[in-house]
Amino acid sequence: MLFETIVVGPLGVNCFILGDKQSNEGIVVDPGADCEMILAAVREFGLKVKYIINTHGHFDHIGCNRTLKEKTGAQLLAHKEDVPFLVNAGRSAQKYGLNVEDSPEPDAFLTDGMKLAFGRREIEVLHTPGHTQGGCCLYLANEKLLITGDTLFADSVGRTDLPGGDHGQLIDSIQKKLMPLPDDTIVWPGHGPSSTIGQERRFNPYLNE
């Protein structure tokens, strides 16, 4: 499987490009900014993008939704609870002095337990509210890979002081949905370095309070 990380935008979002090398079908997760750089990578890898997936709706993770959708014809997927963030991204970004294009509404909604296939690969959606009410993680069991958005970071967790945030709910989501996964599952967060479930279970201070 192809797995590529591109750090985009002034807030350093990890945008992920995943592809099945046999079929050349792929997905793009959290295309937050630097649209041409993401599209150049897609072209370089020869991928037909099937899905654009947002782990949550904050403006720094969705800024290239419209451009990628128009250029690739891919379906846009996000949780219904975060649609207000998507369609008002420009207004939110202006509060931080940034210019972001509003996202179109999703073509379909992510739901807990949903399975999404691209080529021979399959992603399971894990709804993990707390950072936002629509926050989701993406789990590829066969690849032992988990994309956590802003739910779980290396040695940290997502902030919960923004609209829709709830710290207790976030910790509950992580404990119930993510910590049961195998220790050697690689955690790829929305910002910063990767980790593993085992590492976070043992040493993440927010999970061992």
Protein backbone atom coordinates (compact mmCIF):
# COMPACT_ATOMS: atom_id res chain seq x y z
CA MET A 1 0.00 0.00 0.00
CA LEU A 2 1.08 3.54 -0.74
CA PHE A 3 1.10 5.80 2.33
CA GLU A 4 2.40 9.34 2.09
CA THR A 5 2.32 12.22 4.59
CA ILE A 6 2.41 15.83 3.41
CA VAL A 7 2.60 18.57 6.05
CA VAL A 8 0.43 21.45 4.83
CA GLY A 9 -0.53 24.97 5.82
CA PRO A 10 0.69 27.37 8.51
CA LEU A 11 -0.65 25.12 11.29
CA GLY A 12 1.31 22.08 10.08
CA VAL A 13 -1.51 19.65 9.33
CA ASN A 14 -0.61 16.10 8.36
CA CYS A 15 -2.42 15.40 5.08
CA PHE A 16 -2.35 11.70 4.21
CA ILE A 17 -2.45 10.13 0.77
CA LEU A 18 -3.22 6.41 0.70
CA GLY A 19 -3.28 4.25 -2.38
CA ASP A 20 -3.79 0.64 -3.42
CA LYS A 21 -0.94 -0.03 -5.84
CA GLN A 22 -2.76 -2.78 -7.74
CA SER A 23 -5.85 -0.76 -8.63
CA ASN A 24 -4.34 2.74 -8.30
CA GLU A 25 -7.41 3.78 -6.30
CA GLY A 26 -6.66 6.12 -3.43
CA ILE A 27 -7.94 8.49 -0.80
CA VAL A 28 -6.81 11.85 0.57
CA VAL A 29 -7.32 12.56 4.26
CA ASP A 30 -7.44 16.11 5.65
CA PRO A 31 -6.30 18.22 2.69
CA GLY A 32 -5.92 21.35 4.76
CA ALA A 33 -3.90 23.64 2.47
CA ASP A 34 -1.26 23.68 -0.29
CA CYS A 35 -3.70 22.24 -2.82
CA GLU A 36 -1.28 22.16 -5.74
CA MET A 37 1.29 20.24 -3.69
CA ILE A 38 -1.32 17.61 -2.80
CA LEU A 39 -2.52 17.36 -6.40
CA ALA A 40 1.08 17.06 -7.65
CA ALA A 41 1.63 14.11 -5.29
CA VAL A 42 -1.59 12.46 -6.47
CA ARG A 43 -0.45 12.82 -10.07
CA GLU A 44 3.04 11.57 -9.27
CA PHE A 45 1.62 8.43 -7.70
CA GLY A 46 -0.83 7.93 -10.57
CA LEU A 47 -3.80 7.70 -8.22
CA LYS A 48 -7.49 7.94 -9.01
CA VAL A 49 -8.82 9.56 -5.84
CA LYS A 50 -12.02 7.82 -4.74
CA TYR A 51 -12.60 9.65 -1.46
CA ILE A 52 -11.58 12.89 0.22
CA ILE A 53 -12.06 12.28 3.95
CA ASN A 54 -12.10 14.85 6.76
CA THR A 55 -11.33 13.51 10.23
CA HIS A 56 -13.13 16.61 11.52
CA GLY A 57 -14.30 19.96 10.22
CA HIS A 58 -11.79 22.51 11.52
CA PHE A 59 -10.61 24.92 8.83
CA ASP A 60 -6.95 23.85 8.95
CA HIS A 61 -7.93 20.31 7.87
CA ILE A 62 -10.41 21.07 5.07
CA GLY A 63 -9.09 24.06 3.10
CA CYS A 64 -8.51 22.13 -0.14
CA ASN A 65 -11.77 20.14 -0.11
CA ARG A 66 -13.34 22.18 -2.89
CA THR A 67 -10.27 22.26 -5.13
CA LEU A 68 -9.53 18.54 -4.77
CA LYS A 69 -13.15 17.60 -5.34
CA GLU A 70 -13.29 19.70 -8.51
CA LYS A 71 -9.94 18.43 -9.83
CA THR A 72 -10.34 14.72 -8.99
CA GLY A 73 -14.10 14.09 -9.00
CA ALA A 74 -13.72 12.27 -5.67
CA GLN A 75 -16.51 11.96 -3.12
CA LEU A 76 -16.16 14.17 -0.05
CA LEU A 77 -16.88 12.42 3.26
CA ALA A 78 -17.21 13.91 6.76
CA HIS A 79 -19.36 13.38 9.83
CA LYS A 80 -22.69 15.23 9.74
CA GLU A 81 -22.04 16.88 13.12
CA ASP A 82 -19.13 18.84 11.64
CA VAL A 83 -20.86 20.17 8.52
CA PRO A 84 -21.29 23.65 10.09
CA PHE A 85 -17.50 23.88 10.44
CA LEU A 86 -16.96 22.91 6.79
CA VAL A 87 -19.35 25.40 5.27
CA ASN A 88 -18.16 28.26 7.52
CA ALA A 89 -14.43 27.54 7.30
CA GLY A 90 -13.58 30.91 5.80
CA ARG A 91 -15.16 32.83 8.66
CA SER A 92 -13.41 30.65 11.25
CA ALA A 93 -10.02 31.07 9.59
CA GLN A 94 -10.35 34.85 9.46
CA LYS A 95 -10.33 34.93 13.29
CA TYR A 96 -6.75 33.62 13.06
CA GLY A 97 -5.77 35.96 10.24
CA LEU A 98 -5.87 33.20 7.63
CA ASN A 99 -7.65 32.87 4.30
CA VAL A 100 -9.45 29.53 3.76
CA GLU A 101 -12.11 28.62 1.21
CA ASP A 102 -15.43 27.28 2.52
CA SER A 103 -15.89 23.58 1.87
CA PRO A 104 -18.79 22.14 -0.08
CA GLU A 105 -21.11 19.93 1.92
CA PRO A 106 -20.13 16.23 2.03
CA ASP A 107 -21.42 13.85 -0.61
CA ALA A 108 -21.95 11.30 2.16
CA PHE A 109 -21.58 11.20 5.93
CA LEU A 110 -19.11 9.21 7.96
CA THR A 111 -20.76 6.97 10.56
CA ASP A 112 -19.32 4.81 13.31
CA GLY A 113 -18.35 1.38 11.99
CA MET A 114 -18.66 2.37 8.33
CA LYS A 115 -16.31 0.45 6.01
CA LEU A 116 -14.77 2.22 3.01
CA ALA A 117 -12.89 0.33 0.32
CA PHE A 118 -10.32 1.62 -2.14
CA GLY A 119 -8.94 -1.14 -4.30
CA ARG A 120 -8.10 -4.09 -2.04
CA ARG A 121 -7.79 -1.88 1.04
CA GLU A 122 -10.47 -1.18 3.62
CA ILE A 123 -10.86 1.56 6.20
CA GLU A 124 -13.12 1.38 9.24
CA VAL A 125 -14.52 4.66 10.56
CA LEU A 126 -14.39 5.12 14.34
CA HIS A 127 -16.51 8.02 15.59
CA THR A 128 -14.51 9.64 18.40
CA PRO A 129 -16.27 12.85 19.52
CA GLY A 130 -14.62 15.20 21.95
CA HIS A 131 -12.30 17.48 19.96
CA THR A 132 -15.39 18.15 17.84
CA GLN A 133 -18.71 16.33 17.93
CA GLY A 134 -18.06 14.88 14.49
CA GLY A 135 -14.45 13.83 15.05
CA CYS A 136 -13.53 10.47 13.53
CA CYS A 137 -10.51 8.19 13.30
CA LEU A 138 -9.73 5.91 10.37
CA TYR A 139 -8.50 2.37 11.07
CA LEU A 140 -6.83 0.03 8.58
CA ALA A 141 -6.66 -3.24 10.49
CA ASN A 142 -4.63 -5.21 7.94
CA GLU A 143 -2.00 -2.48 7.79
CA LYS A 144 -2.06 -1.87 11.58
CA LEU A 145 -2.51 1.81 10.88
CA LEU A 146 -4.73 4.39 12.59
CA ILE A 147 -5.28 7.97 11.42
CA THR A 148 -6.46 9.93 14.46
CA GLY A 149 -6.96 13.50 13.24
CA ASP A 150 -6.94 15.78 16.28
CA THR A 151 -8.33 13.12 18.65
CA LEU A 152 -5.04 11.54 19.76
CA PHE A 153 -1.46 12.80 19.40
CA ALA A 154 1.91 11.44 20.44
CA ASP A 155 1.92 11.99 24.22
CA SER A 156 -1.12 14.26 24.02
CA VAL A 157 -4.78 14.57 23.05
CA GLY A 158 -6.83 17.08 21.11
CA ARG A 159 -7.76 20.44 22.58
CA THR A 160 -11.33 20.75 23.80
CA ASP A 161 -11.67 24.49 24.42
CA LEU A 162 -13.18 25.20 20.98
CA PRO A 163 -16.92 25.02 20.13
CA GLY A 164 -18.19 21.45 20.40
CA GLY A 165 -15.22 20.31 22.49
CA ASP A 166 -15.66 18.14 25.58
CA HIS A 167 -12.58 16.81 27.38
CA GLY A 168 -14.36 14.04 29.29
CA GLN A 169 -16.04 12.87 26.11
CA LEU A 170 -12.72 12.94 24.23
CA ILE A 171 -10.96 10.78 26.84
CA ASP A 172 -13.92 8.39 26.87
CA SER A 173 -13.78 8.11 23.06
CA ILE A 174 -10.05 7.34 23.13
CA GLN A 175 -10.34 4.80 25.93
CA LYS A 176 -13.30 2.96 24.39
CA LYS A 177 -12.54 3.16 20.67
CA LEU A 178 -8.74 3.42 20.32
CA MET A 179 -7.08 1.82 23.34
CA PRO A 180 -8.55 -1.65 22.62
CA LEU A 181 -6.61 -1.74 19.32
CA PRO A 182 -3.38 -3.80 19.15
CA ASP A 183 -0.26 -2.31 20.77
CA ASP A 184 1.66 -2.27 17.48
CA THR A 185 -0.97 -0.20 15.66
CA ILE A 186 0.79 2.89 14.31
CA VAL A 187 -0.91 6.15 15.25
CA TRP A 188 -0.75 8.90 12.63
CA PRO A 189 -2.18 12.12 14.13
CA GLY A 190 -3.36 15.32 12.49
CA HIS A 191 -0.28 17.22 13.67
CA GLY A 192 3.18 16.14 14.76
CA PRO A 193 4.98 12.78 14.85
CA SER A 194 3.58 9.27 14.77
CA SER A 195 3.33 6.93 17.75
CA THR A 196 1.77 3.56 18.56
CA ILE A 197 -1.27 2.52 20.56
CA GLY A 198 0.99 0.67 23.02
CA GLN A 199 3.13 3.76 23.57
CA GLU A 200 0.11 5.96 24.19
CA ARG A 201 -1.60 3.44 26.44
CA ARG A 202 1.44 3.28 28.69
CA PHE A 203 2.82 6.80 28.66
CA ASN A 204 0.26 9.35 27.45
CA PRO A 205 -0.23 11.55 30.55
CA TYR A 206 -3.80 12.47 29.60
CA LEU A 207 -4.83 8.81 29.51
CA ASN A 208 -3.21 7.99 32.84
CA GLU A 209 -4.55 10.82 34.98
